[in-house]
Amino acid sequence: MTEIIRTNIGVSTYLMPTGSLADKESLASLRAAFDKCIEGGITKVVVNMERVSSLTGEVLEFLLDTQDTLVAMGGQLSVIHPNALLKDIFKITDFGKFIEVKDLP
């Protein structure tokens, strides 16, 4: 199962999954982390993908749905620090057209 590290910086909450997001248990961990944010009224969430080795289409779909939820609450979702594989996935799926993706400097 993927560990999700949570930190708060200013008005944003940062979630950093570690490992693969390619199984149902990992998606459940990510979902639980977002549920805690939403239940706590946190609407600006940044997912740091620096330590994510891979992910599935289900995770992309979940992130898009979560973006819709956060926007409806007046917030936003962004993704930072994707590795080369994730950048390719985001490019092929046009993920970056719907959710802000920021690269490493």
N, C-alpha and C. Protein backbone atom coordinates (compact mmCIF):
# COMPACT_ATOMS: atom_id res chain seq x y z
N MET A 1 0.84 -1.18 0.00
CA MET A 1 0.00 0.00 0.00
C MET A 1 0.89 1.24 0.00
N THR A 2 0.46 2.26 -0.71
CA THR A 2 1.20 3.50 -0.84
C THR A 2 0.97 4.38 0.38
N GLU A 3 2.06 4.90 0.92
CA GLU A 3 1.95 5.87 2.01
C GLU A 3 1.70 7.24 1.40
N ILE A 4 0.84 8.03 2.05
CA ILE A 4 0.56 9.39 1.60
C ILE A 4 1.01 10.34 2.70
N ILE A 5 2.05 11.12 2.42
CA ILE A 5 2.56 12.10 3.39
C ILE A 5 1.79 13.40 3.18
N ARG A 6 1.28 13.97 4.26
CA ARG A 6 0.48 15.19 4.17
C ARG A 6 1.16 16.32 4.93
N THR A 7 1.30 17.47 4.25
CA THR A 7 1.84 18.67 4.89
C THR A 7 1.00 19.88 4.48
N ASN A 8 1.01 20.88 5.31
CA ASN A 8 0.29 22.12 5.01
C ASN A 8 1.31 23.24 4.85
N ILE A 9 1.17 23.99 3.76
CA ILE A 9 2.00 25.16 3.52
C ILE A 9 1.05 26.28 3.12
N GLY A 10 0.93 27.27 3.98
CA GLY A 10 -0.01 28.36 3.72
C GLY A 10 -1.42 27.83 3.67
N VAL A 11 -2.15 28.19 2.62
CA VAL A 11 -3.54 27.74 2.48
C VAL A 11 -3.65 26.44 1.71
N SER A 12 -2.53 25.90 1.26
CA SER A 12 -2.54 24.66 0.47
C SER A 12 -2.11 23.47 1.31
N THR A 13 -2.72 22.34 0.99
CA THR A 13 -2.31 21.07 1.57
C THR A 13 -1.58 20.28 0.49
N TYR A 14 -0.43 19.75 0.85
CA TYR A 14 0.37 18.96 -0.07
C TYR A 14 0.25 17.49 0.31
N LEU A 15 -0.06 16.67 -0.69
CA LEU A 15 -0.11 15.23 -0.51
C LEU A 15 1.02 14.63 -1.34
N MET A 16 1.84 13.78 -0.71
CA MET A 16 2.95 13.16 -1.43
C MET A 16 2.83 11.64 -1.32
N PRO A 17 2.24 11.02 -2.36
CA PRO A 17 2.22 9.55 -2.38
C PRO A 17 3.64 9.03 -2.60
N THR A 18 3.93 7.87 -2.04
CA THR A 18 5.25 7.27 -2.24
C THR A 18 5.07 5.88 -2.83
N GLY A 19 5.74 5.62 -3.93
CA GLY A 19 5.65 4.32 -4.59
C GLY A 19 4.70 4.35 -5.76
N SER A 20 4.15 3.20 -6.05
CA SER A 20 3.26 3.04 -7.19
C SER A 20 1.82 3.36 -6.82
N LEU A 21 1.11 3.97 -7.76
CA LEU A 21 -0.33 4.18 -7.62
C LEU A 21 -1.03 3.31 -8.65
N ALA A 22 -0.62 2.06 -8.71
CA ALA A 22 -1.11 1.17 -9.76
C ALA A 22 -1.93 0.00 -9.23
N ASP A 23 -2.42 0.11 -7.99
CA ASP A 23 -3.28 -0.95 -7.48
C ASP A 23 -4.43 -0.34 -6.67
N LYS A 24 -5.42 -1.13 -6.38
CA LYS A 24 -6.62 -0.64 -5.71
C LYS A 24 -6.34 -0.13 -4.30
N GLU A 25 -5.40 -0.76 -3.60
CA GLU A 25 -5.07 -0.32 -2.24
C GLU A 25 -4.45 1.08 -2.25
N SER A 26 -3.61 1.33 -3.22
CA SER A 26 -2.97 2.65 -3.33
C SER A 26 -4.01 3.72 -3.66
N LEU A 27 -4.92 3.39 -4.56
CA LEU A 27 -5.98 4.33 -4.90
C LEU A 27 -6.86 4.59 -3.67
N ALA A 28 -7.11 3.56 -2.88
CA ALA A 28 -7.90 3.73 -1.65
C ALA A 28 -7.18 4.66 -0.67
N SER A 29 -5.86 4.55 -0.57
CA SER A 29 -5.08 5.44 0.31
C SER A 29 -5.16 6.88 -0.17
N LEU A 30 -5.04 7.06 -1.47
CA LEU A 30 -5.12 8.41 -2.04
C LEU A 30 -6.52 8.99 -1.83
N ARG A 31 -7.53 8.17 -2.06
CA ARG A 31 -8.92 8.60 -1.86
C ARG A 31 -9.15 9.01 -0.40
N ALA A 32 -8.64 8.21 0.54
CA ALA A 32 -8.80 8.52 1.96
C ALA A 32 -8.11 9.84 2.33
N ALA A 33 -6.94 10.09 1.76
CA ALA A 33 -6.23 11.35 2.04
C ALA A 33 -7.03 12.54 1.53
N PHE A 34 -7.60 12.41 0.33
CA PHE A 34 -8.43 13.50 -0.21
C PHE A 34 -9.71 13.66 0.60
N ASP A 35 -10.31 12.55 1.01
CA ASP A 35 -11.53 12.63 1.81
C ASP A 35 -11.29 13.42 3.10
N LYS A 36 -10.15 13.19 3.74
CA LYS A 36 -9.82 13.94 4.96
C LYS A 36 -9.69 15.43 4.67
N CYS A 37 -9.09 15.76 3.55
CA CYS A 37 -8.94 17.16 3.17
C CYS A 37 -10.33 17.80 2.97
N ILE A 38 -11.15 17.15 2.17
CA ILE A 38 -12.46 17.70 1.84
C ILE A 38 -13.34 17.80 3.09
N GLU A 39 -13.31 16.77 3.93
CA GLU A 39 -14.09 16.80 5.17
C GLU A 39 -13.63 17.94 6.09
N GLY A 40 -12.35 18.28 6.01
CA GLY A 40 -11.79 19.36 6.82
C GLY A 40 -11.95 20.73 6.18
N GLY A 41 -12.63 20.80 5.04
CA GLY A 41 -12.84 22.07 4.36
C GLY A 41 -11.65 22.57 3.58
N ILE A 42 -10.67 21.70 3.36
CA ILE A 42 -9.47 22.08 2.59
C ILE A 42 -9.81 21.97 1.11
N THR A 43 -9.62 23.06 0.39
CA THR A 43 -10.01 23.08 -1.02
C THR A 43 -8.85 23.31 -1.98
N LYS A 44 -7.68 23.63 -1.48
CA LYS A 44 -6.50 23.81 -2.33
C LYS A 44 -5.52 22.69 -2.01
N VAL A 45 -5.43 21.75 -2.94
CA VAL A 45 -4.60 20.56 -2.72
C VAL A 45 -3.59 20.44 -3.85
N VAL A 46 -2.36 20.16 -3.47
CA VAL A 46 -1.27 19.95 -4.42
C VAL A 46 -0.77 18.52 -4.20
N VAL A 47 -0.71 17.74 -5.28
CA VAL A 47 -0.20 16.38 -5.20
C VAL A 47 1.23 16.38 -5.74
N ASN A 48 2.17 16.06 -4.87
CA ASN A 48 3.58 15.99 -5.24
C ASN A 48 3.86 14.57 -5.73
N MET A 49 4.11 14.43 -7.03
CA MET A 49 4.31 13.11 -7.65
C MET A 49 5.78 12.70 -7.72
N GLU A 50 6.63 13.42 -7.00
CA GLU A 50 8.07 13.17 -7.05
C GLU A 50 8.44 11.72 -6.73
N ARG A 51 7.69 11.09 -5.83
CA ARG A 51 8.01 9.72 -5.41
C ARG A 51 7.06 8.67 -5.97
N VAL A 52 6.28 9.04 -6.98
CA VAL A 52 5.34 8.10 -7.59
C VAL A 52 6.01 7.46 -8.80
N SER A 53 6.08 6.14 -8.80
CA SER A 53 6.76 5.45 -9.90
C SER A 53 5.82 5.16 -11.07
N SER A 54 4.54 4.94 -10.81
CA SER A 54 3.58 4.66 -11.88
C SER A 54 2.17 4.90 -11.35
N LEU A 55 1.23 4.98 -12.29
CA LEU A 55 -0.16 5.13 -11.89
C LEU A 55 -1.07 4.54 -12.96
N THR A 56 -2.35 4.44 -12.65
CA THR A 56 -3.31 3.84 -13.58
C THR A 56 -4.28 4.90 -14.09
N GLY A 57 -5.05 4.51 -15.09
CA GLY A 57 -6.11 5.37 -15.59
C GLY A 57 -7.14 5.67 -14.52
N GLU A 58 -7.36 4.71 -13.62
CA GLU A 58 -8.30 4.93 -12.52
C GLU A 58 -7.85 6.09 -11.63
N VAL A 59 -6.56 6.20 -11.42
CA VAL A 59 -6.03 7.30 -10.61
C VAL A 59 -6.23 8.62 -11.34
N LEU A 60 -5.97 8.65 -12.63
CA LEU A 60 -6.20 9.88 -13.40
C LEU A 60 -7.67 10.28 -13.34
N GLU A 61 -8.56 9.32 -13.50
CA GLU A 61 -9.99 9.59 -13.43
C GLU A 61 -10.38 10.12 -12.05
N PHE A 62 -9.82 9.50 -11.01
CA PHE A 62 -10.09 9.96 -9.65
C PHE A 62 -9.62 11.41 -9.46
N LEU A 63 -8.42 11.72 -9.94
CA LEU A 63 -7.90 13.08 -9.79
C LEU A 63 -8.76 14.09 -10.55
N LEU A 64 -9.24 13.73 -11.73
CA LEU A 64 -10.12 14.62 -12.49
C LEU A 64 -11.44 14.84 -11.75
N ASP A 65 -12.01 13.78 -11.20
CA ASP A 65 -13.25 13.91 -10.43
C ASP A 65 -13.03 14.75 -9.18
N THR A 66 -11.90 14.56 -8.54
CA THR A 66 -11.59 15.32 -7.33
C THR A 66 -11.39 16.79 -7.67
N GLN A 67 -10.76 17.07 -8.80
CA GLN A 67 -10.61 18.45 -9.27
C GLN A 67 -11.98 19.10 -9.38
N ASP A 68 -12.94 18.40 -9.97
CA ASP A 68 -14.30 18.94 -10.11
C ASP A 68 -14.91 19.25 -8.74
N THR A 69 -14.72 18.35 -7.79
CA THR A 69 -15.24 18.55 -6.43
C THR A 69 -14.61 19.77 -5.79
N LEU A 70 -13.29 19.89 -5.89
CA LEU A 70 -12.60 21.02 -5.26
C LEU A 70 -12.97 22.34 -5.91
N VAL A 71 -13.11 22.36 -7.23
CA VAL A 71 -13.51 23.58 -7.93
C VAL A 71 -14.91 24.00 -7.50
N ALA A 72 -15.81 23.04 -7.35
CA ALA A 72 -17.17 23.35 -6.90
C ALA A 72 -17.17 23.95 -5.49
N MET A 73 -16.12 23.65 -4.72
CA MET A 73 -15.98 24.20 -3.37
C MET A 73 -15.17 25.50 -3.36
N GLY A 74 -14.77 25.97 -4.55
CA GLY A 74 -13.98 27.19 -4.64
C GLY A 74 -12.49 26.96 -4.57
N GLY A 75 -12.06 25.74 -4.75
CA GLY A 75 -10.64 25.41 -4.64
C GLY A 75 -10.04 24.95 -5.95
N GLN A 76 -8.97 24.19 -5.83
CA GLN A 76 -8.29 23.66 -7.01
C GLN A 76 -7.37 22.52 -6.64
N LEU A 77 -7.00 21.76 -7.64
CA LEU A 77 -6.06 20.66 -7.50
C LEU A 77 -4.93 20.91 -8.48
N SER A 78 -3.70 20.73 -8.05
CA SER A 78 -2.56 20.78 -8.96
C SER A 78 -1.62 19.63 -8.65
N VAL A 79 -0.83 19.30 -9.64
CA VAL A 79 0.14 18.21 -9.54
C VAL A 79 1.52 18.81 -9.80
N ILE A 80 2.49 18.42 -8.97
CA ILE A 80 3.86 18.91 -9.16
C ILE A 80 4.84 17.74 -9.22
N HIS A 81 5.97 18.00 -9.82
CA HIS A 81 7.13 17.11 -9.86
C HIS A 81 6.88 15.72 -10.43
N PRO A 82 6.19 15.61 -11.58
CA PRO A 82 6.04 14.27 -12.18
C PRO A 82 7.36 13.80 -12.78
N ASN A 83 7.60 12.48 -12.72
CA ASN A 83 8.79 11.93 -13.36
C ASN A 83 8.56 11.82 -14.87
N ALA A 84 9.53 11.35 -15.61
CA ALA A 84 9.44 11.29 -17.08
C ALA A 84 8.27 10.42 -17.54
N LEU A 85 8.06 9.28 -16.90
CA LEU A 85 6.96 8.40 -17.28
C LEU A 85 5.62 9.10 -17.07
N LEU A 86 5.46 9.74 -15.92
CA LEU A 86 4.20 10.42 -15.64
C LEU A 86 3.98 11.59 -16.59
N LYS A 87 5.05 12.30 -16.92
CA LYS A 87 4.94 13.40 -17.90
C LYS A 87 4.40 12.87 -19.22
N ASP A 88 4.91 11.72 -19.66
CA ASP A 88 4.44 11.11 -20.90
C ASP A 88 2.96 10.74 -20.80
N ILE A 89 2.58 10.14 -19.68
CA ILE A 89 1.18 9.76 -19.48
C ILE A 89 0.30 11.00 -19.51
N PHE A 90 0.71 12.05 -18.82
CA PHE A 90 -0.08 13.28 -18.78
C PHE A 90 -0.21 13.89 -20.18
N LYS A 91 0.87 13.82 -20.95
CA LYS A 91 0.85 14.39 -22.30
C LYS A 91 -0.08 13.59 -23.22
N ILE A 92 0.04 12.27 -23.18
CA ILE A 92 -0.77 11.41 -24.04
C ILE A 92 -2.25 11.53 -23.72
N THR A 93 -2.58 11.67 -22.44
CA THR A 93 -3.99 11.72 -22.03
C THR A 93 -4.56 13.13 -21.98
N ASP A 94 -3.74 14.14 -22.27
CA ASP A 94 -4.16 15.55 -22.17
C ASP A 94 -4.55 15.92 -20.74
N PHE A 95 -4.03 15.22 -19.76
CA PHE A 95 -4.33 15.46 -18.36
C PHE A 95 -4.05 16.90 -17.96
N GLY A 96 -2.97 17.47 -18.48
CA GLY A 96 -2.57 18.83 -18.16
C GLY A 96 -3.52 19.90 -18.66
N LYS A 97 -4.43 19.54 -19.54
CA LYS A 97 -5.44 20.50 -20.00
C LYS A 97 -6.53 20.72 -18.95
N PHE A 98 -6.63 19.78 -18.02
CA PHE A 98 -7.69 19.82 -17.02
C PHE A 98 -7.19 20.11 -15.61
N ILE A 99 -5.97 19.68 -15.34
CA ILE A 99 -5.37 19.90 -14.02
C ILE A 99 -3.98 20.49 -14.23
N GLU A 100 -3.68 21.52 -13.47
CA GLU A 100 -2.38 22.18 -13.57
C GLU A 100 -1.27 21.21 -13.16
N VAL A 101 -0.28 21.06 -14.04
CA VAL A 101 0.89 20.21 -13.77
C VAL A 101 2.12 21.08 -13.83
N LYS A 102 2.87 21.12 -12.74
CA LYS A 102 4.10 21.90 -12.68
C LYS A 102 5.28 20.95 -12.60
N ASP A 103 6.28 21.27 -13.39
CA ASP A 103 7.49 20.44 -13.46
C ASP A 103 8.51 20.90 -12.43
N LEU A 104 9.54 20.08 -12.26
CA LEU A 104 10.67 20.48 -11.43
C LEU A 104 11.35 21.69 -12.06
N PRO A 105 11.86 22.58 -11.25
CA PRO A 105 12.55 23.76 -11.82
C PRO A 105 13.79 23.39 -12.60
